[in-house]
Amino acid sequence: MINDEIRAKEVRLVGAEGEQIGITPIREALQMATDLNLDLVNVAPQAKPPVCRIMDYGKFRYEQQKKDKEARKNQKIVDTKEVWFRANIDEHDYQTKLRNVVKFLKEGDKVKCSVRFRGREIAHASIGQKILERVKEEVAEHSTIERHPKLEGRSMIMILAPKTQ
């Protein structure tokens, strides 16, 4: 709330330079703000009495928007990439998929490694377990395990997260 929107009778006033002025009636605080061509802004409405500050509200909002925009620009959105393996995967195919897993982890993305079972392959779930354990060991320097291998329906799933430096 700013200026005339403030409904308290008394406020704890902070000056334009950050100095403590003290508890003053709202009319006096508003008059001080208008004399300086600034706004009276309620910065802590839940306090007793509310804390108000004399500042240029437009400039304050502009600076706040710049900070928010910069924070959004610098944040990293973590995607989850999925790499499918088969129970009877050949060595070359395995190495190719493993390279992709390492690449995704280095880019900062999580990786969901899945072994898909078809038909009677589900009876040999231990083969899928061995494949995921091998992946886990080979990418240990780049990742941490977020979810250990677990059979869900006809797929065995493991989730890897990139190591934080």
Protein backbone atom coordinates (compact mmCIF):
# COMPACT_ATOMS: atom_id res chain seq x y z
CA MET A 1 0.00 0.00 0.00
CA ILE A 2 1.23 3.46 -0.80
CA ASN A 3 0.33 7.02 0.20
CA ASP A 4 -3.43 7.45 0.87
CA GLU A 5 -4.10 3.69 0.82
CA ILE A 6 -2.43 3.31 4.24
CA ARG A 7 -5.16 3.16 6.92
CA ALA A 8 -3.13 3.10 10.16
CA LYS A 9 -3.26 6.06 12.59
CA GLU A 10 0.44 5.91 13.42
CA VAL A 11 3.37 4.44 11.55
CA ARG A 12 7.02 3.68 12.28
CA LEU A 13 8.72 5.87 9.70
CA VAL A 14 11.97 5.17 7.85
CA GLY A 15 13.44 8.06 5.89
CA ALA A 16 14.52 8.23 2.26
CA GLU A 17 18.16 7.49 3.18
CA GLY A 18 17.22 4.55 5.43
CA GLU A 19 17.43 6.48 8.71
CA GLN A 20 14.93 5.73 11.50
CA ILE A 21 12.64 8.72 12.07
CA GLY A 22 10.39 7.05 14.66
CA ILE A 23 6.68 6.65 15.27
CA THR A 24 4.71 9.49 13.66
CA PRO A 25 1.05 10.16 12.84
CA ILE A 26 0.07 9.15 9.30
CA ARG A 27 -0.74 12.73 8.22
CA GLU A 28 2.69 13.96 9.28
CA ALA A 29 4.39 11.03 7.49
CA LEU A 30 2.42 11.73 4.29
CA GLN A 31 3.33 15.42 4.51
CA MET A 32 7.04 14.58 4.87
CA ALA A 33 6.84 12.31 1.79
CA THR A 34 5.07 14.92 -0.35
CA ASP A 35 7.56 17.61 0.73
CA LEU A 36 10.35 15.41 -0.67
CA ASN A 37 8.33 14.56 -3.84
CA LEU A 38 8.43 10.88 -2.84
CA ASP A 39 5.91 8.21 -1.84
CA LEU A 40 5.05 6.75 1.55
CA VAL A 41 5.21 2.96 1.14
CA ASN A 42 4.00 0.43 3.72
CA VAL A 43 6.85 -2.11 3.84
CA ALA A 44 5.70 -4.14 6.88
CA PRO A 45 1.90 -3.93 7.28
CA GLN A 46 1.72 -6.74 9.88
CA ALA A 47 4.00 -4.94 12.37
CA LYS A 48 2.59 -2.94 15.29
CA PRO A 49 2.67 -0.09 14.34
CA PRO A 50 3.10 -0.66 10.56
CA VAL A 51 6.51 0.23 9.13
CA CYS A 52 6.43 2.77 6.30
CA ARG A 53 9.29 4.08 4.21
CA ILE A 54 9.69 7.25 2.21
CA MET A 55 10.88 6.26 -1.29
CA ASP A 56 10.31 6.74 -5.01
CA TYR A 57 7.84 3.89 -5.53
CA GLY A 58 8.05 3.92 -9.35
CA LYS A 59 11.83 3.62 -9.25
CA PHE A 60 11.57 0.87 -6.60
CA ARG A 61 9.13 -1.17 -8.75
CA TYR A 62 11.34 -0.72 -11.81
CA GLU A 63 14.42 -1.97 -9.92
CA GLN A 64 12.41 -4.92 -8.55
CA GLN A 65 11.24 -5.89 -12.04
CA LYS A 66 14.83 -5.73 -13.31
CA LYS A 67 15.99 -8.03 -10.49
CA ASP A 68 13.16 -10.50 -11.16
CA LYS A 69 13.92 -10.53 -14.89
CA GLU A 70 17.63 -11.13 -14.23
CA ALA A 71 16.82 -13.97 -11.83
CA ARG A 72 14.55 -15.62 -14.42
CA LYS A 73 17.23 -15.24 -17.08
CA ASN A 74 19.88 -16.91 -14.93
CA GLN A 75 17.84 -19.87 -13.73
CA LYS A 76 18.42 -23.27 -15.29
CA ILE A 77 15.36 -25.28 -16.18
CA VAL A 78 16.09 -28.95 -15.54
CA ASP A 79 14.54 -31.23 -18.14
CA THR A 80 14.13 -34.97 -17.84
CA LYS A 81 15.47 -36.85 -20.82
CA GLU A 82 14.57 -40.48 -21.35
CA VAL A 83 16.84 -43.18 -22.77
CA TRP A 84 15.31 -46.56 -23.61
CA PHE A 85 17.32 -49.77 -23.42
CA ARG A 86 16.19 -53.27 -24.45
CA ALA A 87 16.81 -56.44 -22.48
CA ASN A 88 18.85 -57.98 -25.32
CA ILE A 89 20.73 -54.83 -26.38
CA ASP A 90 23.93 -55.20 -28.41
CA GLU A 91 27.18 -53.69 -27.14
CA HIS A 92 27.42 -50.95 -29.78
CA ASP A 93 23.83 -49.84 -29.20
CA TYR A 94 24.49 -49.83 -25.46
CA GLN A 95 27.59 -47.64 -25.88
CA THR A 96 25.68 -45.17 -28.09
CA LYS A 97 22.87 -44.83 -25.56
CA LEU A 98 25.40 -44.53 -22.73
CA ARG A 99 27.10 -41.63 -24.57
CA ASN A 100 23.69 -39.92 -24.78
CA VAL A 101 23.13 -40.42 -21.05
CA VAL A 102 26.51 -38.84 -20.26
CA LYS A 103 25.83 -35.94 -22.67
CA PHE A 104 22.44 -35.21 -21.05
CA LEU A 105 23.95 -35.31 -17.56
CA LYS A 106 26.75 -32.92 -18.57
CA GLU A 107 24.12 -30.51 -19.94
CA GLY A 108 22.51 -30.51 -16.48
CA ASP A 109 19.42 -32.57 -17.32
CA LYS A 110 18.02 -35.49 -15.38
CA VAL A 111 17.99 -38.81 -17.21
CA LYS A 112 15.33 -41.48 -16.95
CA CYS A 113 16.87 -44.81 -18.00
CA SER A 114 14.29 -47.44 -18.89
CA VAL A 115 14.56 -51.06 -19.93
CA ARG A 116 11.49 -52.11 -21.89
CA PHE A 117 10.52 -55.78 -21.80
CA ARG A 118 8.53 -57.43 -24.58
CA GLY A 119 6.63 -60.68 -24.42
CA ARG A 120 8.35 -63.32 -22.32
CA GLU A 121 11.39 -61.09 -21.62
CA ILE A 122 9.60 -59.94 -18.45
CA ALA A 123 10.39 -63.34 -16.92
CA HIS A 124 14.08 -62.32 -17.00
CA ALA A 125 13.82 -58.97 -15.25
CA SER A 126 17.25 -59.61 -13.74
CA ILE A 127 18.77 -58.93 -17.19
CA GLY A 128 17.24 -55.44 -17.16
CA GLN A 129 18.48 -54.96 -13.60
CA LYS A 130 22.03 -55.82 -14.73
CA ILE A 131 21.84 -53.35 -17.64
CA LEU A 132 20.73 -50.50 -15.36
CA GLU A 133 23.35 -51.41 -12.74
CA ARG A 134 26.00 -51.27 -15.47
CA VAL A 135 24.76 -47.83 -16.59
CA LYS A 136 24.80 -46.67 -12.96
CA GLU A 137 28.42 -47.77 -12.49
CA GLU A 138 29.64 -46.29 -15.78
CA VAL A 139 28.11 -42.82 -15.22
CA ALA A 140 28.84 -42.69 -11.46
CA GLU A 141 31.33 -39.81 -11.89
CA HIS A 142 28.70 -37.66 -13.66
CA SER A 143 25.54 -38.51 -11.73
CA THR A 144 23.80 -39.32 -8.51
CA ILE A 145 20.96 -41.81 -8.33
CA GLU A 146 17.65 -40.15 -7.67
CA ARG A 147 15.63 -43.36 -8.00
CA HIS A 148 17.05 -46.87 -7.95
CA PRO A 149 15.98 -49.40 -10.62
CA LYS A 150 12.39 -50.48 -10.06
CA LEU A 151 10.06 -52.63 -12.15
CA GLU A 152 6.87 -50.84 -13.18
CA GLY A 153 4.62 -52.83 -15.46
CA ARG A 154 6.70 -53.94 -18.46
CA SER A 155 9.49 -51.39 -17.84
CA MET A 156 12.29 -51.12 -15.32
CA ILE A 157 13.04 -47.48 -14.55
CA MET A 158 15.98 -45.67 -12.94
CA ILE A 159 16.37 -41.89 -12.65
CA LEU A 160 19.79 -40.21 -12.60
CA ALA A 161 20.43 -36.59 -11.64
CA PRO A 162 23.57 -34.62 -12.58
CA LYS A 163 26.19 -34.22 -9.88
CA THR A 164 26.31 -30.75 -8.41
CA GLN A 165 29.77 -29.19 -8.34
